Protein backbone atom coordinates (compact mmCIF):
# COMPACT_ATOMS: atom_id res chain seq x y z
CA UNK A 1 154.58 107.67 216.60
CA UNK A 2 153.81 110.77 218.19
CA UNK A 3 154.66 114.40 217.28
CA UNK A 4 154.71 117.98 218.43
CA UNK A 5 154.09 120.37 216.57
CA UNK A 6 157.36 123.42 217.24
CA UNK A 7 158.86 126.53 216.07
CA UNK A 8 162.89 126.71 216.11
CA UNK A 9 163.69 130.32 216.01
CA UNK A 10 167.34 130.57 214.89
CA UNK A 11 169.66 133.61 214.54
CA UNK A 12 172.77 133.86 212.20
CA UNK A 13 175.41 135.46 213.26
CA UNK A 14 178.70 133.94 211.39
CA UNK A 15 177.85 133.81 207.68
CA UNK A 16 180.36 131.21 207.63
CA UNK A 17 177.80 128.49 209.02
CA UNK A 18 174.86 129.26 206.53
CA UNK A 19 175.72 126.02 204.31
CA UNK A 20 175.86 123.96 207.06
CA UNK A 21 172.76 124.78 208.54
CA UNK A 22 171.10 124.88 205.21
CA UNK A 23 172.19 121.31 205.06
CA UNK A 24 171.21 120.25 208.18
CA UNK A 25 167.84 121.74 207.72
CA UNK A 26 167.52 119.70 203.98
CA UNK A 27 168.53 116.58 205.99
CA UNK A 28 165.10 117.55 208.36
CA UNK A 29 163.48 118.80 205.69
CA UNK A 30 160.68 115.76 205.94
CA UNK A 31 159.71 117.46 208.95
CA UNK A 32 159.59 120.95 208.16
CA UNK A 33 155.99 122.47 207.84
CA UNK A 34 157.66 125.91 206.52
CA UNK A 35 160.31 128.19 206.70
CA UNK A 36 161.21 132.11 206.52
CA UNK A 37 164.25 133.65 207.03
CA UNK A 38 164.66 137.89 207.17
CA UNK A 39 168.37 138.90 206.77
CA UNK A 40 168.64 141.60 208.80
CA UNK A 41 171.67 143.92 206.72
CA UNK A 42 171.37 146.65 209.32
CA UNK A 43 173.12 144.15 212.26
CA UNK A 44 174.85 141.65 209.86
CA UNK A 45 172.62 138.84 210.86
CA UNK A 46 169.96 136.81 209.74
CA UNK A 47 166.81 135.43 211.48
CA UNK A 48 165.06 132.48 210.96
CA UNK A 49 162.23 130.67 211.79
CA UNK A 50 161.47 126.66 211.09
CA UNK A 51 158.31 124.99 211.65
CA UNK A 52 158.22 121.26 212.09
CA UNK A 53 156.39 118.99 213.07
CA UNK A 54 158.19 115.65 214.27
CA UNK A 55 158.70 113.75 217.19
CA UNK A 56 160.40 115.54 220.35
CA UNK A 57 163.31 113.84 219.89
CA UNK A 58 164.13 114.93 216.24
CA UNK A 59 163.03 118.41 217.30
CA UNK A 60 165.71 118.35 220.21
CA UNK A 61 168.09 116.21 218.03
CA UNK A 62 167.60 118.94 214.99
CA UNK A 63 167.68 122.10 217.64
CA UNK A 64 170.88 120.52 219.51
CA UNK A 65 172.91 120.26 215.80
CA UNK A 66 172.17 124.01 215.06
CA UNK A 67 173.08 124.97 218.52
CA UNK A 68 176.59 123.73 218.01
CA UNK A 69 177.47 125.83 214.74
CA UNK A 70 179.53 128.37 215.39
CA UNK A 71 177.91 131.58 215.43
CA UNK A 72 174.15 130.14 215.60
CA UNK A 73 172.05 130.30 218.15
CA UNK A 74 168.75 128.75 218.33
CA UNK A 75 165.58 128.26 220.63
CA UNK A 76 162.60 125.86 220.61
CA UNK A 77 158.81 126.96 221.62
CA UNK A 78 156.57 123.71 221.61
CA UNK A 79 152.92 123.57 220.86
CA UNK A 80 150.46 121.97 223.41
CA UNK A 81 148.36 120.03 220.33
CA UNK A 82 149.68 116.68 220.38
């Protein structure tokens, strides 16, 4: 199975979605290489970056599920390394 390395950038504007987001990240935990979260208190948001190594369809599925959470947006940047 061929995998891709990517970084998913996540911005959480609705704190009520944090629990669901953490559940999703736990569900895909076997593909996560690392994660960094930064609370930006002055703006009332959280900024999270998640490094993954997974099949492209798995990354797309995770990104789509994250983007469907209320008050949460995400973008993915893929590495050219295969």
